[in-house]
Each structure stands twice: as C-alpha cells, then as structure tokens.
Amino acid sequence: MPTPASGPVNRAGLCPDPRNEGDTPIPPFDRNVPPRGPSGPRINEQIRISPVRLIGPEGEPLGIVPTSQALEMAREAGLDLVEVADKERPPVCKIMDFGKFKYTQSKKAHQKTHQQKVKEIRVRPKTGEHDIETKITQARKFLEHNDKVQVNVLFRGREMQHIEEGQRVMNQILEALANDSKLESPSRLEGKRMVALLAPKPGAKPAAKSAAKPEAKPAPGPKSAAKPEAKPDPGPKAEAKPSAPPVSAPASTPAPSPKPTS
C-alpha cells in the first residue's frame, strides 16, 4: 500500500517535516496560545510560566508569586505585567505601563550616537600669526564636538633644513589647546610633515555659546512736570540814546499879493 506524500504517521500522531525527513516532528499548532510578535517581551496572558519573580511598579522586589496573582496585582494597578528577563528561572516580570515602555525603547533605538572622527588642520612653518589663531579656533570647535584633531605642519623644499621653525609652530598650537584637549600622540616627524594627535578631554563640557544681548536700558522714572526753559539773560541793556527830532520841511512862505494900482 503506498504511503502518503507527507510520510507515515508515527505513534504520537505527528507528521515529520517533509523538508527534513528524519528530524524531530513538528508539534501541532495550538490556536489557544496568543500570538507573539516578532520581537518584544511577553505581556499579561502571554506569560505561561508560573511562578514568576515579581518587581513592583516602583522597582521594589515582591518575591516569587504565582503568575495569576501577579496578573491580578497588575490589573488592580491599571498597568501591565511584562516579562523582562525570560532566561531567568523563574522568569522576572515587572508591573509597568507597557505602552510607555515601548515608546521609551523605540526612542532610544532611534537616537543617533555621535561617531568620533579625526579632523585635520594644516599649517606651515611660515604661516602667519593670524592664520595660526584661525586654525586654533577651528581645532577648538572640533574638540567641542568630541572629535579628535590631527595637527599637521607641512614642509616644502628647503624648509626641511629649518625644522625648528615647524616645531615652534607646533608647540604654539599645542600650548593654546592644552586646556581643551589631551595629547594622545606627541609631535613626530613623518617624511615631510610633523604630526601630533589631540583628543578631547574626558568629561569636558562644550563651551556655552554667549549670545550677544542688547544692553538693558534703565527704566524711565516718573515723569516730572515740564518746567519752562529759562531764557538766557541778555545782560544789562544799553542806555537808549536820544534820537534826533525829525527834521520838518521848511514851511513855504506865501507869495506877496500884488499891490493895487491907482
């Protein structure tokens, strides 16, 4: 009699996996077990093992209690029973707000951690003082962002005959950054360049950015009554000189009347 394609049924009533014949039989699917997500701890009725080691909402240990009693205590508190250490025997469960717990875990997972990088600044033995100060400020910003700084002093041509000038520039930079960093690798000559490596100081806090605030103006006091402005004293008045009397036009004399003739 031919056997079915899935293989013969054993005494336990289980069929072997057709993909791996001869392996351990697969148990039948139990529809009564609540489905478990792809990741995450078991909660509430998903916890089948009893007893459990219980931790209270405030982190206080409550000892080993039956799972049913732990579920009842979680319901009374309006919280969930969450399995936090399933590898322990008995497993460790905690009474907590599972929704808040998931939100906190997802927020931590999405937080980006700062990856430390190595930044470089390059100078030459003949670099001017102003440019060196600019490079020092730039290196200080890198250290504040928790990055390492590699200081390079580059030599060209006959500058290799005056290495002491490059060492002077290197020492100037290292001394200026001594309070903001620690010397991880002292200055050394590598071919045609001098190299030193600085690392941020452990526990050093970034410098607070000072925002330029406008100067506070004094509050205006109570308004005083407006006083009339005092007019400047013109000084003693000069005595008025007597004005000359107006010259009147001479009176016109009447013409003599003609005498009558006899």
C-alpha atoms as a PDB file:
ATOM      1  CA  MET A   1       0.000   0.000   0.000  1.00  0.00           C
ATOM      2  CA  PRO A   2       1.588   3.316  -0.964  1.00  0.00           C
ATOM      3  CA  THR A   3       2.334   5.791   1.821  1.00  0.00           C
ATOM      4  CA  PRO A   4       1.061   9.398   1.724  1.00  0.00           C
ATOM      5  CA  ALA A   5       3.342  12.086   0.353  1.00  0.00           C
ATOM      6  CA  SER A   6       3.795  13.664   3.782  1.00  0.00           C
ATOM      7  CA  GLY A   7       5.229  10.470   5.295  1.00  0.00           C
ATOM      8  CA  PRO A   8       3.823   7.887   7.652  1.00  0.00           C
ATOM      9  CA  VAL A   9       2.165   8.913  10.878  1.00  0.00           C
ATOM     10  CA  ASN A  10       4.118   7.912  14.000  1.00  0.00           C
ATOM     11  CA  ARG A  11       2.677   6.731  17.297  1.00  0.00           C
ATOM     12  CA  ALA A  12       2.434  10.249  18.692  1.00  0.00           C
ATOM     13  CA  GLY A  13       0.187  11.245  15.798  1.00  0.00           C
ATOM     14  CA  LEU A  14       2.742  13.779  14.498  1.00  0.00           C
ATOM     15  CA  CYS A  15       3.946  14.075  10.909  1.00  0.00           C
ATOM     16  CA  PRO A  16       7.653  14.645  10.181  1.00  0.00           C
ATOM     17  CA  ASP A  17       8.678  17.772   8.329  1.00  0.00           C
ATOM     18  CA  PRO A  18       8.676  16.910   4.602  1.00  0.00           C
ATOM     19  CA  ARG A  19      11.688  19.223   4.118  1.00  0.00           C
ATOM     20  CA  ASN A  20      13.836  17.418   6.701  1.00  0.00           C
ATOM     21  CA  GLU A  21      12.774  13.806   6.888  1.00  0.00           C
ATOM     22  CA  GLY A  22      14.008  12.025   9.963  1.00  0.00           C
ATOM     23  CA  ASP A  23      14.185  15.213  12.144  1.00  0.00           C
ATOM     24  CA  THR A  24      12.130  15.912  15.247  1.00  0.00           C
ATOM     25  CA  PRO A  25       8.401  16.029  14.414  1.00  0.00           C
ATOM     26  CA  ILE A  26       6.682  19.420  14.400  1.00  0.00           C
ATOM     27  CA  PRO A  27       4.044  19.738  17.147  1.00  0.00           C
ATOM     28  CA  PRO A  28       0.531  20.642  16.061  1.00  0.00           C
ATOM     29  CA  PHE A  29      -0.407  24.341  16.060  1.00  0.00           C
ATOM     30  CA  ASP A  30      -2.222  25.393  19.240  1.00  0.00           C
ATOM     31  CA  ARG A  31      -4.836  28.021  18.452  1.00  0.00           C
ATOM     32  CA  ASN A  32      -5.362  28.829  22.134  1.00  0.00           C
ATOM     33  CA  VAL A  33      -1.906  30.327  22.599  1.00  0.00           C
ATOM     34  CA  PRO A  34      -1.963  34.101  21.969  1.00  0.00           C
ATOM     35  CA  PRO A  35       0.266  35.089  19.039  1.00  0.00           C
ATOM     36  CA  ARG A  36       3.634  36.596  19.922  1.00  0.00           C
ATOM     37  CA  GLY A  37       5.142  39.361  17.884  1.00  0.00           C
ATOM     38  CA  PRO A  38       8.430  39.026  16.063  1.00  0.00           C
ATOM     39  CA  SER A  39      10.218  40.865  18.848  1.00  0.00           C
ATOM     40  CA  GLY A  40       9.475  42.199  22.288  1.00  0.00           C
ATOM     41  CA  PRO A  41       8.752  40.704  25.682  1.00  0.00           C
ATOM     42  CA  ARG A  42       5.676  38.686  26.662  1.00  0.00           C
ATOM     43  CA  ILE A  43       2.943  40.608  28.452  1.00  0.00           C
ATOM     44  CA  ASN A  44      -0.105  39.705  30.559  1.00  0.00           C
ATOM     45  CA  GLU A  45      -1.769  36.462  29.352  1.00  0.00           C
ATOM     46  CA  GLN A  46       1.181  35.662  27.067  1.00  0.00           C
ATOM     47  CA  ILE A  47       3.185  34.712  30.163  1.00  0.00           C
ATOM     48  CA  ARG A  48       2.520  30.973  30.617  1.00  0.00           C
ATOM     49  CA  ILE A  49       5.196  30.066  33.141  1.00  0.00           C
ATOM     50  CA  SER A  50       4.287  30.100  36.816  1.00  0.00           C
ATOM     51  CA  PRO A  51       5.559  31.200  39.298  1.00  0.00           C
ATOM     52  CA  VAL A  52       7.484  34.353  38.415  1.00  0.00           C
ATOM     53  CA  ARG A  53       9.808  36.687  40.264  1.00  0.00           C
ATOM     54  CA  LEU A  54       7.796  39.915  40.507  1.00  0.00           C
ATOM     55  CA  ILE A  55       9.010  43.504  40.594  1.00  0.00           C
ATOM     56  CA  GLY A  56       6.617  46.286  41.568  1.00  0.00           C
ATOM     57  CA  PRO A  57       5.854  49.487  39.636  1.00  0.00           C
ATOM     58  CA  GLU A  58       8.425  51.459  41.648  1.00  0.00           C
ATOM     59  CA  GLY A  59      11.141  48.819  41.213  1.00  0.00           C
ATOM     60  CA  GLU A  60      10.595  47.179  44.588  1.00  0.00           C
ATOM     61  CA  PRO A  61      11.062  43.367  44.698  1.00  0.00           C
ATOM     62  CA  LEU A  62       7.870  41.483  45.622  1.00  0.00           C
ATOM     63  CA  GLY A  63       9.325  37.978  45.673  1.00  0.00           C
ATOM     64  CA  ILE A  64       8.216  34.851  43.827  1.00  0.00           C
ATOM     65  CA  VAL A  65       4.458  34.764  43.273  1.00  0.00           C
ATOM     66  CA  PRO A  66       2.108  32.772  41.033  1.00  0.00           C
ATOM     67  CA  THR A  67       1.528  34.281  37.605  1.00  0.00           C
ATOM     68  CA  SER A  68      -2.219  34.567  38.205  1.00  0.00           C
ATOM     69  CA  GLN A  69      -1.609  36.607  41.356  1.00  0.00           C
ATOM     70  CA  ALA A  70       0.888  38.835  39.526  1.00  0.00           C
ATOM     71  CA  LEU A  71      -1.685  39.457  36.767  1.00  0.00           C
ATOM     72  CA  GLU A  72      -4.298  40.367  39.350  1.00  0.00           C
ATOM     73  CA  MET A  73      -1.919  42.855  41.010  1.00  0.00           C
ATOM     74  CA  ALA A  74      -1.151  44.451  37.631  1.00  0.00           C
ATOM     75  CA  ARG A  75      -4.867  44.823  36.833  1.00  0.00           C
ATOM     76  CA  GLU A  76      -5.556  46.437  40.192  1.00  0.00           C
ATOM     77  CA  ALA A  77      -2.807  48.988  39.488  1.00  0.00           C
ATOM     78  CA  GLY A  78      -4.150  49.629  35.977  1.00  0.00           C
ATOM     79  CA  LEU A  79      -0.833  48.504  34.452  1.00  0.00           C
ATOM     80  CA  ASP A  80       0.616  45.545  32.544  1.00  0.00           C
ATOM     81  CA  LEU A  81       2.651  42.537  33.605  1.00  0.00           C
ATOM     82  CA  VAL A  82       5.760  42.470  31.416  1.00  0.00           C
ATOM     83  CA  GLU A  83       8.353  39.685  31.252  1.00  0.00           C
ATOM     84  CA  VAL A  84      11.693  41.495  31.412  1.00  0.00           C
ATOM     85  CA  ALA A  85      14.085  38.523  31.840  1.00  0.00           C
ATOM     86  CA  ASP A  86      12.766  35.363  30.219  1.00  0.00           C
ATOM     87  CA  LYS A  87      16.075  33.486  30.515  1.00  0.00           C
ATOM     88  CA  GLU A  88      15.992  33.501  34.305  1.00  0.00           C
ATOM     89  CA  ARG A  89      14.391  30.711  36.330  1.00  0.00           C
ATOM     90  CA  PRO A  90      11.865  31.690  37.471  1.00  0.00           C
ATOM     91  CA  PRO A  91      11.460  34.440  34.863  1.00  0.00           C
ATOM     92  CA  VAL A  92      11.480  38.036  36.076  1.00  0.00           C
ATOM     93  CA  CYS A  93       8.329  40.072  35.453  1.00  0.00           C
ATOM     94  CA  LYS A  94       7.625  43.713  36.222  1.00  0.00           C
ATOM     95  CA  ILE A  95       4.419  45.686  36.650  1.00  0.00           C
ATOM     96  CA  MET A  96       4.629  48.698  34.336  1.00  0.00           C
ATOM     97  CA  ASP A  97       2.918  50.725  31.626  1.00  0.00           C
ATOM     98  CA  PHE A  98       3.820  48.680  28.545  1.00  0.00           C
ATOM     99  CA  GLY A  99       2.854  51.430  26.076  1.00  0.00           C
ATOM    100  CA  LYS A 100       5.183  53.911  27.762  1.00  0.00           C
ATOM    101  CA  PHE A 101       7.895  51.244  27.937  1.00  0.00           C
ATOM    102  CA  LYS A 102       7.678  50.590  24.177  1.00  0.00           C
ATOM    103  CA  TYR A 103       7.796  54.312  23.400  1.00  0.00           C
ATOM    104  CA  THR A 104      10.923  54.749  25.537  1.00  0.00           C
ATOM    105  CA  GLN A 105      12.637  51.781  23.902  1.00  0.00           C
ATOM    106  CA  SER A 106      11.847  52.979  20.374  1.00  0.00           C
ATOM    107  CA  LYS A 107      13.069  56.475  21.212  1.00  0.00           C
ATOM    108  CA  LYS A 108      16.377  55.087  22.473  1.00  0.00           C
ATOM    109  CA  ALA A 109      16.757  52.939  19.356  1.00  0.00           C
ATOM    110  CA  HIS A 110      16.324  55.935  17.048  1.00  0.00           C
ATOM    111  CA  GLN A 111      18.736  58.164  18.906  1.00  0.00           C
ATOM    112  CA  LYS A 112      21.870  58.614  16.838  1.00  0.00           C
ATOM    113  CA  THR A 113      25.119  58.168  18.690  1.00  0.00           C
ATOM    114  CA  HIS A 114      27.944  60.515  17.784  1.00  0.00           C
ATOM    115  CA  GLN A 115      30.740  58.707  15.953  1.00  0.00           C
ATOM    116  CA  GLN A 116      34.085  60.195  16.821  1.00  0.00           C
ATOM    117  CA  LYS A 117      36.047  61.392  13.800  1.00  0.00           C
ATOM    118  CA  VAL A 118      39.591  62.589  13.231  1.00  0.00           C
ATOM    119  CA  LYS A 119      39.732  66.150  11.888  1.00  0.00           C
ATOM    120  CA  GLU A 120      42.869  67.722  10.440  1.00  0.00           C
ATOM    121  CA  ILE A 121      44.341  71.188  10.500  1.00  0.00           C
ATOM    122  CA  ARG A 122      47.328  72.028   8.305  1.00  0.00           C
ATOM    123  CA  VAL A 123      49.892  74.777   8.795  1.00  0.00           C
ATOM    124  CA  ARG A 124      53.387  75.557   7.516  1.00  0.00           C
ATOM    125  CA  PRO A 125      56.474  76.944   9.237  1.00  0.00           C
ATOM    126  CA  LYS A 126      55.875  80.317   7.572  1.00  0.00           C
ATOM    127  CA  THR A 127      52.169  80.533   8.457  1.00  0.00           C
ATOM    128  CA  GLY A 128      51.263  83.945   9.849  1.00  0.00           C
ATOM    129  CA  GLU A 129      50.092  84.555  13.409  1.00  0.00           C
ATOM    130  CA  HIS A 130      46.560  85.457  12.347  1.00  0.00           C
ATOM    131  CA  ASP A 131      46.186  82.267  10.315  1.00  0.00           C
ATOM    132  CA  ILE A 132      47.518  80.201  13.232  1.00  0.00           C
ATOM    133  CA  GLU A 133      44.900  81.718  15.550  1.00  0.00           C
ATOM    134  CA  THR A 134      42.214  80.838  12.994  1.00  0.00           C
ATOM    135  CA  LYS A 135      43.423  77.227  12.912  1.00  0.00           C
ATOM    136  CA  ILE A 136      43.434  77.076  16.716  1.00  0.00           C
ATOM    137  CA  THR A 137      39.828  78.302  16.848  1.00  0.00           C
ATOM    138  CA  GLN A 138      38.839  75.724  14.253  1.00  0.00           C
ATOM    139  CA  ALA A 139      40.553  72.938  16.211  1.00  0.00           C
ATOM    140  CA  ARG A 140      38.823  74.045  19.410  1.00  0.00           C
ATOM    141  CA  LYS A 141      35.429  73.694  17.696  1.00  0.00           C
ATOM    142  CA  PHE A 142      36.322  70.157  16.584  1.00  0.00           C
ATOM    143  CA  LEU A 143      37.240  69.231  20.156  1.00  0.00           C
ATOM    144  CA  GLU A 144      33.974  70.665  21.477  1.00  0.00           C
ATOM    145  CA  HIS A 145      32.115  68.284  19.120  1.00  0.00           C
ATOM    146  CA  ASN A 146      34.031  65.373  20.700  1.00  0.00           C
ATOM    147  CA  ASP A 147      36.247  64.805  17.651  1.00  0.00           C
ATOM    148  CA  LYS A 148      39.968  64.200  17.597  1.00  0.00           C
ATOM    149  CA  VAL A 149      42.284  66.724  15.936  1.00  0.00           C
ATOM    150  CA  GLN A 150      45.416  65.887  13.975  1.00  0.00           C
ATOM    151  CA  VAL A 151      47.817  68.823  13.691  1.00  0.00           C
ATOM    152  CA  ASN A 152      49.983  68.728  10.561  1.00  0.00           C
ATOM    153  CA  VAL A 153      52.947  71.019   9.921  1.00  0.00           C
ATOM    154  CA  LEU A 154      53.922  70.663   6.266  1.00  0.00           C
ATOM    155  CA  PHE A 155      57.461  71.287   4.965  1.00  0.00           C
ATOM    156  CA  ARG A 156      58.351  72.135   1.380  1.00  0.00           C
ATOM    157  CA  GLY A 157      61.712  72.314  -0.330  1.00  0.00           C
ATOM    158  CA  ARG A 158      64.381  73.977   1.778  1.00  0.00           C
ATOM    159  CA  GLU A 159      62.027  74.285   4.760  1.00  0.00           C
ATOM    160  CA  MET A 160      63.266  70.816   5.778  1.00  0.00           C
ATOM    161  CA  GLN A 161      66.555  72.468   6.731  1.00  0.00           C
ATOM    162  CA  HIS A 162      64.740  74.569   9.377  1.00  0.00           C
ATOM    163  CA  ILE A 163      62.682  72.007  11.248  1.00  0.00           C
ATOM    164  CA  GLU A 164      62.902  74.141  14.400  1.00  0.00           C
ATOM    165  CA  GLU A 165      60.531  76.666  12.785  1.00  0.00           C
ATOM    166  CA  GLY A 166      57.935  73.961  12.252  1.00  0.00           C
ATOM    167  CA  GLN A 167      58.445  72.758  15.818  1.00  0.00           C
ATOM    168  CA  ARG A 168      57.865  76.296  17.061  1.00  0.00           C
ATOM    169  CA  VAL A 169      54.513  76.473  15.244  1.00  0.00           C
ATOM    170  CA  MET A 170      53.555  73.015  16.531  1.00  0.00           C
ATOM    171  CA  ASN A 171      54.368  73.948  20.131  1.00  0.00           C
ATOM    172  CA  GLN A 172      52.359  77.160  19.811  1.00  0.00           C
ATOM    173  CA  ILE A 173      49.254  75.230  18.713  1.00  0.00           C
ATOM    174  CA  LEU A 174      49.640  72.529  21.365  1.00  0.00           C
ATOM    175  CA  GLU A 175      50.061  75.097  24.143  1.00  0.00           C
ATOM    176  CA  ALA A 176      46.980  77.019  23.003  1.00  0.00           C
ATOM    177  CA  LEU A 177      44.860  73.828  23.060  1.00  0.00           C
ATOM    178  CA  ALA A 178      46.291  72.390  26.283  1.00  0.00           C
ATOM    179  CA  ASN A 179      43.200  73.331  28.340  1.00  0.00           C
ATOM    180  CA  ASP A 180      40.747  71.921  25.781  1.00  0.00           C
ATOM    181  CA  SER A 181      42.417  68.614  24.917  1.00  0.00           C
ATOM    182  CA  LYS A 182      44.817  65.907  25.965  1.00  0.00           C
ATOM    183  CA  LEU A 183      47.883  64.975  23.948  1.00  0.00           C
ATOM    184  CA  GLU A 184      47.214  61.486  22.627  1.00  0.00           C
ATOM    185  CA  SER A 185      50.227  61.317  20.338  1.00  0.00           C
ATOM    186  CA  PRO A 186      53.171  63.742  20.728  1.00  0.00           C
ATOM    187  CA  SER A 187      54.625  65.531  17.744  1.00  0.00           C
ATOM    188  CA  ARG A 188      56.793  63.395  15.476  1.00  0.00           C
ATOM    189  CA  LEU A 189      58.329  63.798  12.038  1.00  0.00           C
ATOM    190  CA  GLU A 190      56.821  61.685   9.261  1.00  0.00           C
ATOM    191  CA  GLY A 191      58.550  62.358   5.962  1.00  0.00           C
ATOM    192  CA  LYS A 192      57.936  65.984   5.042  1.00  0.00           C
ATOM    193  CA  ARG A 193      55.408  66.713   7.752  1.00  0.00           C
ATOM    194  CA  MET A 194      55.267  66.924  11.541  1.00  0.00           C
ATOM    195  CA  VAL A 195      52.199  65.288  13.118  1.00  0.00           C
ATOM    196  CA  ALA A 196      50.550  65.399  16.553  1.00  0.00           C
ATOM    197  CA  LEU A 197      47.194  63.970  17.636  1.00  0.00           C
ATOM    198  CA  LEU A 198      44.875  65.627  20.171  1.00  0.00           C
ATOM    199  CA  ALA A 199      41.829  64.082  21.805  1.00  0.00           C
ATOM    200  CA  PRO A 200      39.005  65.824  23.710  1.00  0.00           C
ATOM    201  CA  LYS A 201      39.328  65.815  27.457  1.00  0.00           C
ATOM    202  CA  PRO A 202      37.050  63.262  29.169  1.00  0.00           C
ATOM    203  CA  GLY A 203      34.117  64.960  30.839  1.00  0.00           C
ATOM    204  CA  ALA A 204      34.856  68.309  29.246  1.00  0.00           C
ATOM    205  CA  LYS A 205      31.701  70.243  28.524  1.00  0.00           C
ATOM    206  CA  PRO A 206      31.378  72.261  25.335  1.00  0.00           C
ATOM    207  CA  ALA A 207      31.768  75.965  25.808  1.00  0.00           C
ATOM    208  CA  ALA A 208      28.453  77.731  26.086  1.00  0.00           C
ATOM    209  CA  LYS A 209      27.697  79.998  23.213  1.00  0.00           C
ATOM    210  CA  SER A 210      27.439  83.535  24.512  1.00  0.00           C
ATOM    211  CA  ALA A 211      24.595  85.247  22.755  1.00  0.00           C
ATOM    212  CA  ALA A 212      25.123  88.942  22.310  1.00  0.00           C
ATOM    213  CA  LYS A 213      22.312  90.540  24.222  1.00  0.00           C
ATOM    214  CA  PRO A 214      21.476  94.217  23.896  1.00  0.00           C
ATOM    215  CA  GLU A 215      22.317  96.267  26.938  1.00  0.00           C
ATOM    216  CA  ALA A 216      19.334  96.801  29.190  1.00  0.00           C
ATOM    217  CA  LYS A 217      18.197 100.353  29.220  1.00  0.00           C
ATOM    218  CA  PRO A 218      17.349 101.877  32.618  1.00  0.00           C
ATOM    219  CA  ALA A 219      13.659 102.024  33.327  1.00  0.00           C
ATOM    220  CA  PRO A 220      12.243 105.509  32.871  1.00  0.00           C
ATOM    221  CA  GLY A 221      11.358 107.148  36.160  1.00  0.00           C
ATOM    222  CA  PRO A 222       8.167 109.074  36.922  1.00  0.00           C
ATOM    223  CA  LYS A 223       7.667 111.946  34.594  1.00  0.00           C
ATOM    224  CA  SER A 224       8.242 115.285  36.276  1.00  0.00           C
ATOM    225  CA  ALA A 225       6.222 118.358  35.481  1.00  0.00           C
ATOM    226  CA  ALA A 226       7.573 120.154  32.476  1.00  0.00           C
ATOM    227  CA  LYS A 227       9.308 123.332  33.506  1.00  0.00           C
ATOM    228  CA  PRO A 228       9.547 126.266  31.150  1.00  0.00           C
ATOM    229  CA  GLU A 229      13.017 126.584  29.791  1.00  0.00           C
ATOM    230  CA  ALA A 230      14.903 129.513  31.316  1.00  0.00           C
ATOM    231  CA  LYS A 231      15.808 132.084  28.753  1.00  0.00           C
ATOM    232  CA  PRO A 232      19.397 133.256  28.804  1.00  0.00           C
ATOM    233  CA  ASP A 233      19.958 136.613  30.492  1.00  0.00           C
ATOM    234  CA  PRO A 234      20.713 139.101  27.737  1.00  0.00           C
ATOM    235  CA  GLY A 235      22.773 141.177  30.198  1.00  0.00           C
ATOM    236  CA  PRO A 236      22.403 144.844  31.055  1.00  0.00           C
ATOM    237  CA  LYS A 237      20.597 146.745  28.446  1.00  0.00           C
ATOM    238  CA  ALA A 238      22.476 149.569  26.828  1.00  0.00           C
ATOM    239  CA  GLU A 239      21.095 153.025  27.529  1.00  0.00           C
ATOM    240  CA  ALA A 240      18.939 154.277  24.703  1.00  0.00           C
ATOM    241  CA  LYS A 241      20.432 157.278  23.059  1.00  0.00           C
ATOM    242  CA  PRO A 242      18.061 160.189  22.483  1.00  0.00           C
ATOM    243  CA  SER A 243      17.014 160.146  18.947  1.00  0.00           C
ATOM    244  CA  ALA A 244      17.277 163.326  16.924  1.00  0.00           C
ATOM    245  CA  PRO A 245      13.961 165.081  16.344  1.00  0.00           C
ATOM    246  CA  PRO A 246      12.619 164.598  12.913  1.00  0.00           C
ATOM    247  CA  VAL A 247      13.590 167.344  10.516  1.00  0.00           C
ATOM    248  CA  SER A 248      10.470 169.035   9.276  1.00  0.00           C
ATOM    249  CA  ALA A 249      10.329 170.514   5.840  1.00  0.00           C
ATOM    250  CA  PRO A 250      10.562 174.361   5.853  1.00  0.00           C
ATOM    251  CA  ALA A 251       7.209 175.987   5.676  1.00  0.00           C
ATOM    252  CA  SER A 252       6.526 177.557   2.327  1.00  0.00           C
ATOM    253  CA  THR A 253       6.088 181.350   2.585  1.00  0.00           C
ATOM    254  CA  PRO A 254       3.018 182.745   0.766  1.00  0.00           C
ATOM    255  CA  ALA A 255       3.793 184.761  -2.289  1.00  0.00           C
ATOM    256  CA  PRO A 256       3.210 188.569  -1.785  1.00  0.00           C
ATOM    257  CA  SER A 257      -0.042 189.715  -3.201  1.00  0.00           C
ATOM    258  CA  PRO A 258       0.276 192.353  -5.954  1.00  0.00           C
ATOM    259  CA  LYS A 259      -0.384 195.932  -4.863  1.00  0.00           C
ATOM    260  CA  PRO A 260      -3.478 197.621  -6.414  1.00  0.00           C
ATOM    261  CA  THR A 261      -2.720 200.250  -8.939  1.00  0.00           C
ATOM    262  CA  SER A 262      -4.486 203.590  -8.735  1.00  0.00           C
END
